[in-house]
Protein backbone atom coordinates (compact mmCIF):
# COMPACT_ATOMS: atom_id res chain seq x y z
CA LEU A 1 198.01 125.52 22.04
CA ARG A 2 198.98 126.96 25.29
CA LEU A 3 202.30 128.16 24.22
CA THR A 4 200.71 130.24 21.87
CA GLY A 5 198.68 132.18 24.26
CA ARG A 6 195.15 129.87 24.15
CA SER A 7 193.21 130.09 26.93
CA GLU A 8 192.86 126.32 29.19
CA GLU A 9 189.02 126.51 28.10
CA GLN A 10 189.98 126.78 24.29
CA VAL A 11 192.48 123.99 24.84
CA ALA A 12 189.83 121.81 26.73
CA LEU A 13 187.41 122.17 24.15
CA VAL A 14 189.65 121.16 21.10
CA GLU A 15 190.90 118.29 23.24
CA ALA A 16 187.16 117.01 24.03
CA TYR A 17 186.14 117.92 20.42
CA ALA A 18 189.31 115.77 19.25
CA LYS A 19 188.62 112.40 21.65
CA ALA A 20 184.72 112.84 21.10
CA ASN A 21 185.94 112.47 17.17
CA LYS A 22 188.05 109.80 17.91
CA LEU A 23 191.11 112.47 16.51
CA TRP A 24 192.67 111.55 19.77
CA GLY A 25 195.62 109.68 19.55
CA ASP A 26 197.79 108.15 22.87
CA ALA A 27 198.79 104.97 22.26
CA THR A 28 199.82 104.60 26.34
CA ALA A 29 195.92 105.72 27.17
CA PRO A 30 194.35 102.48 29.61
CA GLY A 31 191.86 100.68 26.98
CA TYR A 32 193.45 102.35 23.81
CA VAL A 33 192.37 100.56 20.45
CA GLU A 34 194.17 101.28 17.47
CA PRO A 35 191.82 103.11 15.17
CA THR A 36 191.37 101.09 11.62
CA TYR A 37 191.65 102.77 8.56
CA SER A 38 190.34 102.31 4.73
CA GLU A 39 194.18 103.29 3.66
CA TYR A 40 197.54 103.04 5.19
CA LEU A 41 200.86 104.85 3.77
CA GLU A 42 204.46 104.35 5.29
CA LEU A 43 206.82 106.79 5.40
CA ASP A 44 210.81 105.90 6.03
CA LEU A 45 211.97 108.43 8.14
CA GLY A 46 215.27 107.71 6.91
CA SER A 47 214.12 108.42 3.26
CA VAL A 48 213.47 112.36 3.63
CA VAL A 49 215.87 114.33 2.55
CA PRO A 50 216.38 117.97 2.32
CA SER A 51 214.43 119.51 -1.01
CA ILE A 52 213.01 122.36 -3.00
CA ALA A 53 210.07 122.91 -5.40
CA GLY A 54 209.82 124.30 -8.55
CA PRO A 55 210.71 126.04 -11.14
CA LYS A 56 206.75 126.82 -11.44
CA ARG A 57 204.65 124.36 -9.56
CA PRO A 58 204.47 123.59 -5.40
CA GLN A 59 204.31 120.16 -6.64
CA ASP A 60 207.02 119.52 -8.43
CA ARG A 61 209.69 118.76 -5.86
CA ILE A 62 213.45 118.21 -6.18
CA GLU A 63 216.27 116.70 -3.93
CA LEU A 64 218.28 119.68 -3.03
CA SER A 65 221.25 117.53 -4.32
CA SER A 66 219.90 117.29 -7.34
CA ALA A 67 218.37 121.04 -7.41
CA LYS A 68 222.00 122.04 -10.04
CA GLN A 69 220.99 119.34 -12.60
CA ALA A 70 217.55 119.61 -12.44
CA PHE A 71 217.78 123.42 -12.85
CA GLU A 72 220.27 122.99 -15.54
CA ALA A 73 217.34 120.37 -17.60
CA ALA A 74 214.73 123.10 -17.54
CA LEU A 75 216.59 125.93 -18.59
CA PRO A 76 216.25 125.58 -22.17
CA MET A 77 212.45 125.80 -21.91
CA TYR A 78 213.10 129.03 -20.78
CA GLU A 79 215.46 130.49 -23.33
CA THR A 80 214.63 132.32 -26.36
CA ALA A 81 216.54 133.01 -29.69
CA ASP A 82 216.70 136.40 -28.08
CA THR A 83 218.38 135.07 -24.80
CA VAL A 84 222.12 135.80 -24.25
CA THR A 85 223.93 132.96 -22.62
CA GLU A 86 227.35 134.97 -22.07
CA PRO A 87 227.24 136.73 -18.56
CA VAL A 88 225.92 140.34 -18.84
CA PRO A 89 227.65 143.03 -16.95
CA VAL A 90 225.89 145.61 -15.24
CA HIS A 91 226.71 148.50 -13.37
CA THR A 92 224.68 149.74 -10.36
CA ASP A 93 225.61 153.10 -7.84
CA PHE A 94 224.07 151.01 -5.14
CA ARG A 95 225.55 147.81 -5.05
CA GLY A 96 228.63 148.34 -7.67
CA ASP A 97 229.26 146.32 -10.89
CA PHE A 98 228.80 142.86 -11.79
CA ALA A 99 227.69 140.23 -14.25
CA LEU A 100 224.57 138.56 -14.45
CA SER A 101 223.99 135.29 -15.83
CA ASN A 102 221.15 132.56 -16.42
CA GLY A 103 220.02 130.86 -13.26
CA ALA A 104 220.77 134.02 -10.91
CA VAL A 105 219.03 134.44 -8.09
CA ALA A 106 217.46 137.84 -8.35
CA ILE A 107 215.03 137.44 -5.27
CA ALA A 108 215.73 135.32 -2.06
CA SER A 109 212.68 136.25 -0.02
CA ILE A 110 212.17 134.58 3.74
CA THR A 111 207.99 135.26 3.46
CA SER A 112 204.36 133.27 3.73
CA CYS A 113 202.38 133.42 6.78
CA THR A 114 202.74 129.48 7.14
CA ASN A 115 206.14 129.05 6.58
CA THR A 116 207.19 131.95 8.81
CA SER A 117 205.40 130.90 11.75
CA ASN A 118 207.25 127.68 12.42
CA PRO A 119 209.86 128.90 15.01
CA SER A 120 212.43 125.89 14.13
CA VAL A 121 212.62 127.15 10.88
CA MET A 122 213.41 130.99 11.36
CA ILE A 123 215.89 130.02 14.24
CA ALA A 124 217.65 127.82 12.12
CA ALA A 125 217.60 131.16 9.55
CA GLY A 126 218.79 132.99 12.32
CA LEU A 127 221.65 130.74 12.99
CA ILE A 128 222.70 130.45 9.42
CA ALA A 129 222.58 133.98 9.24
CA ARG A 130 225.00 134.71 12.51
CA ASN A 131 227.25 131.94 11.13
CA ALA A 132 227.85 133.18 7.88
CA VAL A 133 228.32 136.62 9.13
CA ALA A 134 230.91 135.04 11.36
CA LYS A 135 232.58 133.85 8.30
CA GLY A 136 232.65 137.04 6.42
CA LEU A 137 229.90 135.98 4.02
CA LYS A 138 227.16 138.16 2.12
CA PRO A 139 224.56 137.62 -0.46
CA LYS A 140 225.86 138.09 -4.02
CA PRO A 141 225.09 142.08 -5.16
CA TRP A 142 222.43 141.38 -7.41
CA VAL A 143 220.05 139.26 -4.65
CA LYS A 144 217.24 141.06 -3.63
CA THR A 145 216.48 140.01 0.31
CA SER A 146 213.60 140.41 2.24
CA LEU A 147 211.90 139.19 5.82
CA ALA A 148 207.91 139.05 5.99
CA PRO A 149 207.40 136.60 8.63
CA GLY A 150 203.29 135.85 9.22
CA SER A 151 203.24 137.02 12.81
CA GLN A 152 205.00 139.86 14.90
CA VAL A 153 205.90 136.74 17.38
CA VAL A 154 208.62 136.12 14.99
CA THR A 155 210.36 139.60 15.54
CA ASP A 156 209.90 138.94 19.25
CA TYR A 157 212.07 135.45 19.26
CA LEU A 158 214.47 136.58 16.80
CA LYS A 159 215.29 139.75 19.06
CA ALA A 160 215.08 137.93 22.43
CA ALA A 161 218.11 135.10 20.43
CA GLY A 162 219.63 138.35 19.02
CA LEU A 163 219.56 136.98 15.55
CA GLN A 164 217.76 140.21 14.08
CA ASP A 165 221.30 141.35 13.90
CA ASP A 166 222.51 138.93 12.04
CA LEU A 167 220.05 138.37 9.65
CA ASP A 168 219.57 142.77 8.74
CA ALA A 169 223.29 142.22 8.28
CA LEU A 170 222.86 140.31 5.63
CA GLY A 171 219.93 142.38 4.34
CA TYR A 172 217.19 140.21 6.01
CA GLN A 173 215.42 143.74 7.21
CA LEU A 174 211.63 143.17 8.39
CA VAL A 175 209.79 144.63 5.58
CA GLY A 176 206.06 144.01 6.95
CA TYR A 177 204.23 140.84 8.14
CA GLY A 178 201.85 138.88 5.98
CA CYS A 179 201.74 138.71 2.18
CA ALA A 180 204.91 140.00 0.66
CA THR A 181 206.88 137.85 -2.14
CA CYS A 182 204.88 134.94 -2.22
CA ILE A 183 201.57 137.20 -3.80
CA GLY A 184 203.78 138.84 -5.90
CA ASN A 185 204.32 141.91 -3.54
CA SER A 186 208.11 142.10 -4.16
CA GLY A 187 208.45 145.18 -5.30
CA PRO A 188 210.54 146.12 -8.36
CA LEU A 189 214.27 144.57 -8.46
CA LEU A 190 216.96 147.84 -9.43
CA PRO A 191 216.18 149.21 -12.61
CA GLU A 192 219.93 148.36 -13.65
CA ILE A 193 219.44 144.83 -12.87
CA SER A 194 215.53 145.04 -14.47
CA GLU A 195 217.20 146.65 -17.70
CA ALA A 196 219.62 143.62 -18.21
CA ILE A 197 216.97 140.87 -17.52
CA ASN A 198 214.63 142.06 -20.40
CA ALA A 199 217.11 143.79 -22.59
CA ASN A 200 219.10 140.17 -23.11
CA ASP A 201 216.16 138.09 -22.09
CA LEU A 202 217.91 136.33 -19.14
CA THR A 203 216.12 133.46 -17.24
CA VAL A 204 216.97 134.52 -13.78
CA THR A 205 214.78 133.16 -10.56
CA ALA A 206 213.43 133.54 -7.15
CA VAL A 207 213.94 131.46 -4.18
CA LEU A 208 211.25 131.64 -1.64
CA SER A 209 210.37 130.59 1.63
CA GLY A 210 206.17 130.72 0.46
CA ASN A 211 203.67 127.89 -0.89
CA ARG A 212 202.94 129.05 -4.20
CA ASN A 213 205.33 129.65 -6.96
CA PHE A 214 203.01 129.65 -10.50
CA GLU A 215 204.27 131.36 -13.33
CA GLY A 216 204.38 135.37 -13.08
CA ARG A 217 203.53 135.69 -9.60
CA ILE A 218 206.78 136.41 -8.31
CA SER A 219 207.64 139.10 -10.08
CA PRO A 220 207.83 140.17 -14.08
CA ASP A 221 211.49 140.04 -14.18
CA VAL A 222 211.57 136.40 -12.79
CA LYS A 223 210.94 133.52 -15.18
CA MET A 224 211.44 130.42 -12.69
CA ASN A 225 210.05 130.32 -9.33
CA TYR A 226 211.51 127.75 -6.47
CA LEU A 227 210.51 127.18 -3.15
CA ALA A 228 212.66 126.37 -0.36
CA SER A 229 212.37 126.91 3.66
CA PRO A 230 213.85 130.13 5.12
CA PRO A 231 217.44 128.86 5.85
CA LEU A 232 217.68 127.83 2.35
CA VAL A 233 216.69 130.90 1.43
CA ILE A 234 219.57 132.44 2.57
CA ALA A 235 221.47 129.74 1.09
CA TYR A 236 220.87 130.49 -2.36
CA ALA A 237 220.97 134.04 -1.10
CA LEU A 238 224.41 133.09 -0.60
CA ALA A 239 225.39 131.41 -3.42
CA GLY A 240 223.53 133.76 -5.62
CA THR A 241 222.55 130.82 -8.30
CA MET A 242 220.48 128.33 -8.70
CA ASP A 243 223.25 126.46 -11.02
CA PHE A 244 224.98 125.92 -8.07
CA ASP A 245 226.01 122.35 -6.06
CA PHE A 246 225.72 122.91 -1.80
CA ALA A 247 227.58 119.85 -1.45
CA THR A 248 230.70 120.60 -3.72
CA GLU A 249 230.78 124.52 -4.28
CA PRO A 250 231.62 126.80 -1.71
CA LEU A 251 229.56 129.76 -0.94
CA GLY A 252 232.58 131.83 -0.87
CA THR A 253 235.79 131.80 1.80
CA ASN A 254 236.38 132.87 4.96
CA PRO A 255 238.79 136.09 6.30
CA GLU A 256 241.80 133.63 5.91
CA GLY A 257 241.00 132.65 2.29
CA LYS A 258 239.31 129.28 3.38
CA PRO A 259 236.53 127.96 1.26
CA VAL A 260 233.44 128.24 3.45
CA PHE A 261 230.27 125.36 2.11
CA LEU A 262 226.56 125.35 3.26
CA LYS A 263 227.90 122.40 6.00
CA ASP A 264 230.06 125.24 7.43
CA ILE A 265 227.34 127.01 8.71
CA TRP A 266 224.44 124.95 9.10
CA PRO A 267 223.12 124.47 12.69
CA THR A 268 222.56 121.04 14.09
CA ASN A 269 219.04 120.41 15.27
CA ALA A 270 220.29 120.39 19.34
CA GLU A 271 221.48 123.92 18.76
CA VAL A 272 218.65 125.03 17.19
CA GLU A 273 215.94 123.31 19.51
CA ALA A 274 218.16 125.25 22.41
CA VAL A 275 217.53 128.60 20.96
CA VAL A 276 213.65 127.67 20.35
CA SER A 277 213.24 126.65 24.37
CA GLY A 278 215.39 129.19 25.59
CA THR A 279 213.58 132.11 23.40
CA VAL A 280 209.95 131.42 22.66
CA SER A 281 207.31 132.18 25.42
CA ARG A 282 203.74 132.19 25.51
CA GLU A 283 204.04 135.80 26.83
CA MET A 284 204.87 137.05 23.12
CA PHE A 285 201.75 135.67 22.07
CA LEU A 286 199.85 136.89 24.88
CA LYS A 287 201.50 140.19 24.35
CA ASP A 288 201.14 140.34 20.30
CA TYR A 289 197.95 139.00 20.00
CA ALA A 290 196.31 141.12 23.20
CA SER A 291 196.76 144.53 20.41
CA VAL A 292 196.67 142.54 17.09
CA PHE A 293 193.46 144.27 16.05
CA ASP A 294 194.42 147.63 16.90
CA GLY A 295 196.46 149.00 14.44
CA ASP A 296 198.87 151.49 14.15
CA GLU A 297 198.41 155.19 14.60
CA ARG A 298 197.76 155.55 10.41
CA TRP A 299 195.11 153.11 10.80
CA ARG A 300 193.65 154.29 13.95
CA GLY A 301 193.29 157.74 12.26
CA LEU A 302 191.37 156.79 9.38
CA ASP A 303 188.19 158.72 9.25
CA VAL A 304 185.41 156.10 9.23
CA PRO A 305 181.71 156.94 7.89
CA GLU A 306 178.98 156.07 10.17
CA GLY A 307 175.74 154.03 9.09
CA ASP A 308 174.46 151.04 8.59
CA LEU A 309 175.11 151.10 4.74
CA PHE A 310 178.84 150.91 3.16
CA ALA A 311 179.30 154.91 1.38
CA TRP A 312 180.81 154.08 -1.90
CA ASP A 313 182.86 156.23 -3.14
CA GLU A 314 182.67 157.06 -7.09
CA ALA A 315 186.04 158.25 -7.15
CA SER A 316 187.73 155.57 -5.41
CA THR A 317 190.32 153.02 -7.54
CA TYR A 318 190.41 150.90 -4.90
CA VAL A 319 186.92 149.84 -3.90
CA ARG A 320 183.63 150.09 -6.37
CA ARG A 321 180.18 149.02 -6.10
CA GLN A 322 179.80 145.50 -7.59
CA THR A 323 177.47 145.06 -10.64
CA PHE A 324 176.70 141.28 -10.21
CA PHE A 325 173.31 142.28 -9.26
CA ASP A 326 172.36 145.13 -11.69
CA GLY A 327 169.15 143.88 -13.27
CA MET A 328 168.35 140.69 -11.19
CA GLY A 329 165.30 139.84 -10.69
CA ALA A 330 163.14 138.19 -7.72
CA ASP A 331 163.08 135.30 -10.05
CA PRO A 332 165.78 133.69 -12.15
CA GLU A 333 165.48 133.68 -16.04
CA PRO A 334 165.56 130.65 -17.40
CA VAL A 335 168.97 129.21 -18.15
CA ARG A 336 169.44 129.24 -22.25
CA ASP A 337 171.77 127.03 -24.55
CA ILE A 338 174.77 128.94 -26.05
CA HIS A 339 174.97 129.65 -30.04
CA GLY A 340 177.66 131.36 -31.65
CA ALA A 341 179.91 131.44 -29.17
CA ARG A 342 183.81 132.39 -30.41
CA VAL A 343 186.90 130.97 -28.55
CA LEU A 344 188.37 134.04 -26.18
CA ALA A 345 191.37 131.89 -25.29
CA LEU A 346 192.89 127.98 -26.47
CA LEU A 347 194.97 127.35 -23.22
CA GLY A 348 197.22 124.14 -22.75
CA ASP A 349 197.36 121.76 -19.58
CA SER A 350 197.96 123.51 -15.63
CA VAL A 351 196.56 126.44 -16.22
CA THR A 352 196.33 127.83 -12.82
CA THR A 353 194.11 130.27 -11.11
CA ASP A 354 197.24 132.82 -11.82
CA HIS A 355 197.42 132.89 -15.18
CA ILE A 356 193.50 133.33 -15.40
CA SER A 357 193.60 136.29 -12.39
CA PRO A 358 197.13 137.26 -11.64
CA ALA A 359 198.02 139.22 -8.12
CA GLY A 360 201.12 140.65 -8.60
CA ALA A 361 202.27 144.08 -10.55
CA PHE A 362 200.93 145.18 -13.60
CA LYS A 363 202.30 147.80 -16.28
CA ALA A 364 201.09 151.18 -17.60
CA ASP A 365 200.63 149.87 -20.98
CA SER A 366 198.10 147.12 -19.96
CA PRO A 367 194.08 147.06 -20.16
CA ALA A 368 194.18 147.82 -15.80
CA GLY A 369 197.53 150.46 -16.40
CA ARG A 370 195.66 152.29 -18.78
CA TYR A 371 192.09 152.49 -16.58
CA LEU A 372 194.44 153.50 -13.91
CA THR A 373 196.31 156.20 -15.62
CA ASP A 374 193.20 157.58 -17.26
CA ARG A 375 192.22 158.14 -13.83
CA GLY A 376 194.97 160.11 -12.79
CA VAL A 377 196.63 157.43 -10.61
CA GLU A 378 200.60 157.10 -11.48
CA PRO A 379 202.30 153.84 -12.35
CA LYS A 380 204.41 153.98 -8.82
CA ASP A 381 200.91 153.84 -7.47
CA PHE A 382 199.40 151.09 -9.05
CA ASN A 383 200.16 148.80 -6.28
CA SER A 384 199.12 145.34 -7.51
CA TYR A 385 196.13 143.64 -8.55
CA GLY A 386 195.48 142.03 -5.25
CA SER A 387 195.72 145.05 -3.30
CA ARG A 388 193.24 146.48 -6.15
CA ARG A 389 190.76 143.18 -5.75
CA GLY A 390 187.85 145.59 -4.44
CA ASN A 391 187.56 147.06 -7.82
CA HIS A 392 186.30 145.20 -10.46
CA GLU A 393 187.01 147.47 -13.37
CA VAL A 394 191.08 146.70 -12.97
CA MET A 395 190.74 143.09 -11.86
CA VAL A 396 188.32 142.27 -14.84
CA ARG A 397 190.72 144.05 -17.08
CA GLY A 398 193.48 141.65 -15.57
CA THR A 399 191.81 138.41 -16.78
CA PHE A 400 193.80 135.92 -17.98
CA GLY A 401 196.26 138.94 -18.41
CA ASN A 402 199.37 136.95 -16.45
CA ILE A 403 202.84 137.73 -18.74
CA ARG A 404 203.53 134.36 -18.98
CA LEU A 405 199.69 132.75 -20.50
CA ARG A 406 200.03 131.77 -23.72
CA ASN A 407 197.25 131.86 -25.82
CA GLN A 408 197.56 128.93 -28.62
CA LEU A 409 194.44 131.09 -30.23
CA LEU A 410 197.02 133.53 -31.61
CA ALA A 411 199.10 130.27 -33.81
CA SER A 412 195.73 129.16 -34.82
CA VAL A 413 195.07 132.23 -36.87
CA GLY A 414 198.86 133.03 -38.26
CA GLN A 415 199.67 134.98 -35.54
CA GLU A 416 202.71 135.33 -33.25
CA ILE A 417 202.08 134.22 -29.54
CA THR A 418 202.57 137.44 -27.48
CA PRO A 419 202.84 135.94 -23.98
CA GLY A 420 200.07 137.79 -21.94
CA GLY A 421 196.51 138.73 -21.98
CA TYR A 422 196.49 138.79 -25.37
CA THR A 423 193.88 137.01 -28.07
CA TYR A 424 192.39 137.14 -31.65
CA ASP A 425 189.42 139.43 -32.16
CA PHE A 426 187.43 137.51 -34.96
CA LEU A 427 184.75 140.49 -35.30
CA ALA A 428 187.40 143.11 -35.95
CA GLY A 429 189.98 140.87 -37.50
CA ARG A 430 193.03 141.36 -35.56
CA PRO A 431 195.01 140.53 -32.30
CA THR A 432 193.94 142.71 -29.30
CA THR A 433 194.02 142.43 -25.32
CA ILE A 434 191.77 139.84 -24.08
CA TYR A 435 189.83 142.51 -22.43
CA GLU A 436 189.44 144.78 -25.11
CA ALA A 437 188.40 141.30 -27.44
CA SER A 438 186.11 140.37 -24.56
CA ARG A 439 184.09 144.56 -24.78
CA ASP A 440 183.72 144.25 -28.29
CA TYR A 441 182.07 140.69 -28.51
CA GLN A 442 179.43 141.79 -25.49
CA VAL A 443 178.81 144.72 -27.72
CA HIS A 444 177.81 142.53 -30.57
CA ASP A 445 175.84 140.30 -28.25
CA VAL A 446 178.78 137.11 -28.93
CA PRO A 447 179.18 134.80 -26.63
CA LEU A 448 182.32 133.15 -25.28
CA VAL A 449 184.07 130.28 -24.67
CA VAL A 450 187.22 128.84 -23.14
CA LEU A 451 189.32 125.79 -24.10
CA ALA A 452 192.24 124.32 -22.19
CA GLY A 453 193.55 120.91 -21.06
CA LYS A 454 194.23 119.38 -17.85
CA GLU A 455 193.99 120.59 -14.40
CA TYR A 456 192.64 124.09 -15.40
CA GLY A 457 192.15 126.15 -12.65
CA THR A 458 195.18 124.49 -10.66
CA GLY A 459 196.56 126.70 -7.54
CA SER A 460 195.29 128.88 -5.06
CA SER A 461 191.08 129.07 -4.61
CA ARG A 462 191.05 132.60 -6.14
CA ASP A 463 187.43 134.37 -6.22
CA TRP A 464 188.24 136.67 -8.99
CA ALA A 465 189.61 133.90 -11.40
CA ALA A 466 185.93 132.97 -11.45
CA LYS A 467 184.76 136.45 -11.53
CA GLY A 468 186.66 137.69 -14.09
CA THR A 469 185.51 134.76 -16.36
CA MET A 470 182.09 135.79 -15.83
CA MET A 471 182.63 139.59 -16.73
CA LEU A 472 184.38 138.85 -19.97
CA GLY A 473 181.34 137.36 -21.47
CA VAL A 474 182.77 133.53 -20.65
CA LYS A 475 179.56 131.50 -20.71
CA ALA A 476 181.26 128.10 -20.89
CA VAL A 477 184.59 126.90 -20.11
CA ILE A 478 185.45 123.30 -21.85
CA THR A 479 188.46 121.01 -20.37
CA GLU A 480 190.27 117.90 -20.08
CA SER A 481 189.90 118.19 -16.29
CA PHE A 482 189.27 120.79 -13.62
CA GLU A 483 191.14 121.55 -10.02
CA ARG A 484 187.90 120.87 -7.98
CA ILE A 485 187.73 124.23 -6.39
CA HIS A 486 188.10 126.65 -9.62
CA ARG A 487 185.37 124.41 -11.16
CA SER A 488 182.90 125.01 -8.20
CA ASN A 489 183.73 128.78 -8.57
CA LEU A 490 182.69 128.90 -12.07
CA ILE A 491 179.08 127.81 -11.62
CA GLY A 492 179.40 129.89 -8.33
CA MET A 493 179.54 132.65 -10.83
CA GLY A 494 177.35 131.54 -14.10
CA VAL A 495 179.94 129.98 -15.88
CA LEU A 496 179.26 126.22 -17.25
CA PRO A 497 182.07 123.82 -16.97
CA LEU A 498 182.37 121.16 -19.43
CA GLN A 499 184.97 118.36 -20.17
CA PHE A 500 185.79 117.21 -23.32
CA PRO A 501 184.95 113.07 -23.86
CA GLU A 502 186.87 110.73 -21.71
CA GLY A 503 190.63 110.53 -23.74
CA GLU A 504 189.62 113.78 -25.93
CA SER A 505 190.69 117.22 -26.13
CA TYR A 506 190.39 119.99 -28.54
CA ALA A 507 193.89 118.75 -30.03
CA SER A 508 192.12 115.28 -31.02
CA LEU A 509 189.26 116.44 -31.79
CA GLY A 510 190.87 118.68 -34.62
CA LEU A 511 189.72 122.04 -32.59
CA ASP A 512 192.10 125.12 -32.85
CA GLY A 513 189.89 127.28 -31.47
CA THR A 514 188.61 129.42 -35.20
CA GLU A 515 185.57 127.84 -34.67
CA THR A 516 182.12 128.90 -33.88
CA TYR A 517 180.45 127.11 -30.95
CA ASP A 518 176.84 125.85 -30.32
CA ILE A 519 176.40 124.05 -26.94
CA ALA A 520 172.86 122.05 -27.30
CA GLY A 521 171.10 120.52 -24.23
CA ILE A 522 171.77 123.22 -21.34
CA GLU A 523 167.91 123.75 -21.07
CA ALA A 524 167.05 120.66 -19.41
CA LEU A 525 168.15 122.45 -15.99
CA ASN A 526 164.79 124.49 -16.21
CA ALA A 527 162.93 121.51 -15.90
CA GLY A 528 165.23 120.62 -12.65
CA GLU A 529 167.36 118.03 -14.41
CA THR A 530 170.94 118.65 -14.63
CA PRO A 531 172.02 116.59 -18.11
CA LYS A 532 175.00 114.51 -17.76
CA THR A 533 176.21 115.54 -21.12
CA VAL A 534 175.51 118.36 -23.53
CA HIS A 535 175.45 118.48 -27.59
CA VAL A 536 178.62 120.83 -28.75
CA THR A 537 178.56 121.57 -32.32
CA ALA A 538 182.31 123.54 -33.37
CA THR A 539 181.75 124.90 -37.23
CA LYS A 540 184.78 126.14 -38.88
CA THR A 541 185.23 128.84 -41.08
CA ASP A 542 185.04 125.59 -44.00
CA GLY A 543 181.07 124.84 -42.82
CA THR A 544 182.33 121.43 -41.50
CA VAL A 545 181.88 120.53 -38.94
CA VAL A 546 182.93 118.81 -35.71
CA GLU A 547 180.69 117.53 -33.18
CA PHE A 548 180.65 115.80 -29.63
CA ASP A 549 179.00 115.71 -25.88
CA ALA A 550 180.72 117.32 -23.33
CA VAL A 551 180.24 116.22 -19.83
CA VAL A 552 178.31 118.70 -17.97
CA ARG A 553 180.57 119.20 -14.41
CA ILE A 554 177.88 120.27 -12.31
CA ASP A 555 178.13 117.83 -9.90
CA THR A 556 175.77 118.23 -7.10
CA PRO A 557 172.34 119.67 -6.72
CA GLY A 558 173.22 122.59 -4.99
CA GLU A 559 175.35 123.43 -8.05
CA ALA A 560 172.51 122.98 -10.28
CA ASP A 561 170.56 125.55 -8.01
CA TYR A 562 173.60 128.06 -8.36
CA TYR A 563 173.74 128.08 -12.26
CA ARG A 564 170.38 128.45 -12.87
CA ASN A 565 170.01 131.33 -10.33
CA GLY A 566 173.49 132.87 -12.81
CA GLY A 567 175.27 132.40 -9.74
CA ILE A 568 175.48 131.40 -5.92
CA LEU A 569 175.57 134.98 -4.90
CA GLN A 570 171.76 135.62 -6.88
CA TYR A 571 170.73 132.22 -5.68
CA VAL A 572 171.92 133.67 -2.07
CA LEU A 573 170.24 136.83 -2.34
CA ARG A 574 166.72 135.95 -3.74
CA ASN A 575 166.63 133.45 -0.52
CA LEU A 576 167.19 136.38 1.55
CA MET A 577 164.44 137.66 -0.31
CA LYS A 578 161.73 135.43 0.11
CA ARG A 579 162.29 135.38 3.91
């Protein structure tokens, strides 16, 4: 705390709070009593080894020594009949000529506000860069490199240690601070590289020091995403491929022609600690954070309207007045059972909030892209979903728009599954985008449901994953299990989370999404009760019926109040109006 510029008063408060709540551990203090815990975990520090995670979930840890084999085992799941397995020649004016293969590292980014705030790993990355430059190593020409630390202090101590020049020499120049590649703001690959990837359906990879690597999040051109420490990010940039064994394969050769391995450029713990101790100081934090909210000249030069109310600009494509309160009365309308609902999406396991509400770039031919181009915004100025989250018109058009999403409903009606935000519109009798189908259903007052498997809504607790679902007209989501925060967020937007009976799934019940759904028993909430189950009737096209009792995942009285009000926003506003 002192190192990072906190005052003595703040330090004392943290210590007093920790001691008062029995969180202060000092086994050498007089009268120290070992706390009693309900559960004990043991960790053999000798078993801790370098690891990465991927290719699509942060919890899928891979020991670095097994990374090559793990990649090779996962690769076939990403290849299609169109995938070219031989190296593809690429000519670029900027990076020269080279061959691109499956597994090539297209992006190697040191990014994330969390991992880049650790001086030890950032200094280690700088030392690896210094050692690599000294031995004549460079990243492969197809690798896009970037450095986006979470704090300006990182720049201070890298410069103080003389390491920023070495990072610059490897292409790790500063691109900004805060969210970058980890949230999909990597920027485009070189056009020639992007064209080669897509024309040959290559499976290229990204390696980043972030904490999220879900499908479609990092770049539309990249299929496999791996999380690694900042020094390992540089190592993979030098290797140029995930199909690489650092223990047996050299990163390159030195000026004398001798092979250089990762162990030859990896700094010792003592070397890292010496640089950290000699460069990172309290004064750096005090200096940078004294003016952290001032902004640069452009920020300070913004024209800020005065007044107590926000001045909405109807021409803005970034910030628009939300519609959540339109038509809201002082008292909530009674909740209703659901009748005649159609399935908007039939999804599998581990559908993440990135699948539901992507944060990265989007294309001109997507619903969100067409919305912006219709308003005079050129594709180069689209920015990202994350940057336009203040415009619900963009965000609802991007809901379920992840380029890796596979809606099994298309297969159920005999259509080819097109990855991305596509579905089948039963009213129009044709495949279309999820957004366009939802508009058609809403015009005809047809409610919608989503069917999914296990761990629905895992990942970031992204509010728009629930907001967009509601705005599409989805009234209920029926899954095998939910991620806890997204389940709560759905209730907060007035969407009912339901679970199949224990041990059952839509597949085991013989459901394929072509049915019409009626859900009875919801209206018990109007009497102040929260039903444990509701009765679901799924009527197939031939008239046969599948019935089951779905578990209601409204888990607390407070959540029941939110749902009765149509969502937490309406609940809060109505309570404010009563004061």
